[in-house]
Amino acid sequence: MMGAPGATLPEAGRYLARSLGATLRLMVGQPDYDTYLRHMGRTHPEQAPMSYEAFFRERQEARYGGGKGRCC
């Protein structure tokens, strides 16, 4: 079963749903702002996180090169 060993069926279902949602967002290129916020709070609590709009722009630029063309 997925999730933590000994997880109940409802817990495993929630884990599967979260994992599937994250996978689908990654497949279509939608950034996961909630994951970013958790990461910032956990590993960089002294820094203010980007706004959603700034985060989205930064992820789009990282994915598509900020409008620069690609050959492949």
N, C-alpha and C. Protein backbone atom coordinates (compact mmCIF):
# COMPACT_ATOMS: atom_id res chain seq x y z
N MET A 1 0.84 -1.18 0.00
CA MET A 1 0.00 0.00 0.00
C MET A 1 0.88 1.24 0.00
N MET A 2 0.40 2.32 -0.53
CA MET A 2 1.17 3.57 -0.62
C MET A 2 1.12 4.31 0.70
N GLY A 3 2.03 5.26 0.83
CA GLY A 3 2.07 6.08 2.02
C GLY A 3 2.92 5.44 3.08
N ALA A 4 2.75 5.90 4.29
CA ALA A 4 3.54 5.40 5.40
C ALA A 4 3.12 3.97 5.73
N PRO A 5 4.10 3.16 6.19
CA PRO A 5 3.74 1.79 6.60
C PRO A 5 2.70 1.85 7.72
N GLY A 6 1.72 1.00 7.64
CA GLY A 6 0.67 0.97 8.65
C GLY A 6 -0.40 2.03 8.46
N ALA A 7 -0.39 2.75 7.34
CA ALA A 7 -1.39 3.80 7.10
C ALA A 7 -2.75 3.16 6.89
N THR A 8 -3.78 3.85 7.36
CA THR A 8 -5.13 3.36 7.14
C THR A 8 -5.53 3.62 5.70
N LEU A 9 -6.59 2.98 5.28
CA LEU A 9 -7.05 3.15 3.90
C LEU A 9 -7.39 4.61 3.58
N PRO A 10 -8.11 5.35 4.46
CA PRO A 10 -8.36 6.77 4.14
C PRO A 10 -7.07 7.59 4.03
N GLU A 11 -6.09 7.32 4.90
CA GLU A 11 -4.82 8.04 4.82
C GLU A 11 -4.11 7.73 3.51
N ALA A 12 -4.12 6.47 3.12
CA ALA A 12 -3.49 6.06 1.86
C ALA A 12 -4.19 6.72 0.68
N GLY A 13 -5.52 6.83 0.76
CA GLY A 13 -6.27 7.48 -0.31
C GLY A 13 -5.93 8.95 -0.44
N ARG A 14 -5.80 9.64 0.70
CA ARG A 14 -5.42 11.06 0.67
C ARG A 14 -4.03 11.24 0.11
N TYR A 15 -3.11 10.36 0.51
CA TYR A 15 -1.73 10.40 -0.01
C TYR A 15 -1.74 10.21 -1.53
N LEU A 16 -2.50 9.22 -1.99
CA LEU A 16 -2.58 8.95 -3.42
C LEU A 16 -3.18 10.14 -4.18
N ALA A 17 -4.22 10.75 -3.62
CA ALA A 17 -4.86 11.90 -4.27
C ALA A 17 -3.89 13.08 -4.35
N ARG A 18 -3.16 13.36 -3.26
CA ARG A 18 -2.18 14.46 -3.28
C ARG A 18 -1.09 14.18 -4.29
N SER A 19 -0.60 12.96 -4.32
CA SER A 19 0.48 12.59 -5.24
C SER A 19 0.01 12.70 -6.68
N LEU A 20 -1.18 12.22 -6.95
CA LEU A 20 -1.72 12.29 -8.30
C LEU A 20 -1.92 13.74 -8.73
N GLY A 21 -2.44 14.56 -7.83
CA GLY A 21 -2.63 15.98 -8.14
C GLY A 21 -1.32 16.67 -8.44
N ALA A 22 -0.31 16.41 -7.64
CA ALA A 22 1.01 17.01 -7.87
C ALA A 22 1.60 16.54 -9.19
N THR A 23 1.45 15.26 -9.49
CA THR A 23 1.96 14.70 -10.74
C THR A 23 1.28 15.35 -11.94
N LEU A 24 -0.03 15.49 -11.88
CA LEU A 24 -0.75 16.10 -13.00
C LEU A 24 -0.35 17.56 -13.18
N ARG A 25 -0.19 18.29 -12.07
CA ARG A 25 0.24 19.70 -12.19
C ARG A 25 1.62 19.78 -12.84
N LEU A 26 2.52 18.89 -12.46
CA LEU A 26 3.86 18.90 -13.05
C LEU A 26 3.81 18.54 -14.53
N MET A 27 2.92 17.62 -14.89
CA MET A 27 2.83 17.19 -16.29
C MET A 27 2.39 18.34 -17.20
N VAL A 28 1.52 19.20 -16.71
CA VAL A 28 1.05 20.31 -17.54
C VAL A 28 1.82 21.59 -17.27
N GLY A 29 2.80 21.51 -16.36
CA GLY A 29 3.65 22.66 -16.12
C GLY A 29 3.10 23.69 -15.16
N GLN A 30 2.07 23.35 -14.41
CA GLN A 30 1.51 24.29 -13.44
C GLN A 30 2.35 24.24 -12.18
N PRO A 31 2.95 25.35 -11.80
CA PRO A 31 3.79 25.34 -10.59
C PRO A 31 2.96 25.13 -9.33
N ASP A 32 3.57 24.55 -8.32
CA ASP A 32 2.88 24.25 -7.08
C ASP A 32 3.29 25.26 -6.01
N TYR A 33 2.53 26.33 -5.90
CA TYR A 33 2.84 27.43 -4.98
C TYR A 33 2.78 26.99 -3.52
N ASP A 34 1.82 26.12 -3.18
CA ASP A 34 1.72 25.65 -1.80
C ASP A 34 2.97 24.90 -1.36
N THR A 35 3.52 24.07 -2.24
CA THR A 35 4.76 23.35 -1.95
C THR A 35 5.90 24.33 -1.76
N TYR A 36 5.95 25.35 -2.62
CA TYR A 36 6.97 26.38 -2.50
C TYR A 36 6.88 27.09 -1.15
N LEU A 37 5.65 27.45 -0.73
CA LEU A 37 5.48 28.14 0.55
C LEU A 37 5.93 27.26 1.72
N ARG A 38 5.60 25.97 1.67
CA ARG A 38 6.04 25.06 2.74
C ARG A 38 7.56 24.97 2.76
N HIS A 39 8.17 24.88 1.58
CA HIS A 39 9.63 24.81 1.49
C HIS A 39 10.26 26.07 2.08
N MET A 40 9.76 27.23 1.70
CA MET A 40 10.32 28.48 2.20
C MET A 40 10.18 28.58 3.72
N GLY A 41 9.03 28.21 4.24
CA GLY A 41 8.83 28.27 5.68
C GLY A 41 9.73 27.31 6.45
N ARG A 42 9.98 26.16 5.85
CA ARG A 42 10.78 25.14 6.52
C ARG A 42 12.28 25.41 6.41
N THR A 43 12.73 25.82 5.24
CA THR A 43 14.18 25.93 5.01
C THR A 43 14.73 27.35 4.95
N HIS A 44 13.87 28.34 4.72
CA HIS A 44 14.30 29.73 4.63
C HIS A 44 13.34 30.65 5.39
N PRO A 45 13.13 30.39 6.69
CA PRO A 45 12.12 31.18 7.42
C PRO A 45 12.46 32.66 7.53
N GLU A 46 13.72 33.02 7.34
CA GLU A 46 14.12 34.43 7.44
C GLU A 46 13.80 35.22 6.17
N GLN A 47 13.49 34.52 5.08
CA GLN A 47 13.19 35.19 3.81
C GLN A 47 11.69 35.25 3.56
N ALA A 48 11.25 36.37 3.02
CA ALA A 48 9.84 36.49 2.63
C ALA A 48 9.63 35.73 1.32
N PRO A 49 8.59 34.89 1.23
CA PRO A 49 8.35 34.17 -0.02
C PRO A 49 7.84 35.12 -1.10
N MET A 50 8.02 34.72 -2.34
CA MET A 50 7.50 35.50 -3.47
C MET A 50 5.98 35.48 -3.45
N SER A 51 5.38 36.49 -4.01
CA SER A 51 3.93 36.47 -4.21
C SER A 51 3.61 35.39 -5.24
N TYR A 52 2.34 34.99 -5.31
CA TYR A 52 1.96 33.98 -6.30
C TYR A 52 2.31 34.44 -7.71
N GLU A 53 2.05 35.71 -7.99
CA GLU A 53 2.31 36.23 -9.33
C GLU A 53 3.80 36.18 -9.66
N ALA A 54 4.65 36.59 -8.73
CA ALA A 54 6.09 36.54 -8.96
C ALA A 54 6.57 35.10 -9.10
N PHE A 55 6.03 34.20 -8.27
CA PHE A 55 6.38 32.79 -8.35
C PHE A 55 6.00 32.22 -9.70
N PHE A 56 4.80 32.51 -10.16
CA PHE A 56 4.32 32.00 -11.44
C PHE A 56 5.20 32.50 -12.59
N ARG A 57 5.52 33.80 -12.58
CA ARG A 57 6.39 34.36 -13.64
C ARG A 57 7.76 33.70 -13.62
N GLU A 58 8.33 33.51 -12.42
CA GLU A 58 9.65 32.90 -12.31
C GLU A 58 9.63 31.47 -12.84
N ARG A 59 8.58 30.71 -12.53
CA ARG A 59 8.48 29.33 -13.02
C ARG A 59 8.28 29.28 -14.52
N GLN A 60 7.48 30.21 -15.06
CA GLN A 60 7.28 30.26 -16.51
C GLN A 60 8.60 30.59 -17.21
N GLU A 61 9.34 31.55 -16.67
CA GLU A 61 10.61 31.92 -17.27
C GLU A 61 11.60 30.76 -17.21
N ALA A 62 11.62 30.05 -16.09
CA ALA A 62 12.51 28.90 -15.96
C ALA A 62 12.14 27.81 -16.95
N ARG A 63 10.85 27.63 -17.18
CA ARG A 63 10.42 26.57 -18.09
C ARG A 63 10.59 26.94 -19.55
N TYR A 64 10.25 28.17 -19.90
CA TYR A 64 10.24 28.57 -21.31
C TYR A 64 11.36 29.50 -21.69
N GLY A 65 12.25 29.84 -20.78
CA GLY A 65 13.40 30.68 -21.11
C GLY A 65 13.09 32.14 -21.28
N GLY A 66 12.01 32.61 -20.72
CA GLY A 66 11.68 34.04 -20.78
C GLY A 66 11.47 34.54 -22.20
N GLY A 67 10.90 33.72 -23.07
CA GLY A 67 10.61 34.15 -24.44
C GLY A 67 11.72 33.87 -25.42
N LYS A 68 12.85 33.34 -24.97
CA LYS A 68 13.92 33.01 -25.88
C LYS A 68 13.57 31.75 -26.65
N GLY A 69 13.85 31.74 -27.91
CA GLY A 69 13.54 30.58 -28.74
C GLY A 69 14.47 29.41 -28.45
N ARG A 70 13.97 28.23 -28.72
CA ARG A 70 14.77 27.03 -28.57
C ARG A 70 14.76 26.28 -29.89
N CYS A 71 15.81 25.55 -30.14
CA CYS A 71 15.87 24.82 -31.40
C CYS A 71 15.19 23.46 -31.28
N CYS A 72 15.04 22.92 -30.10
CA CYS A 72 14.47 21.57 -29.96
C CYS A 72 13.36 21.55 -28.94
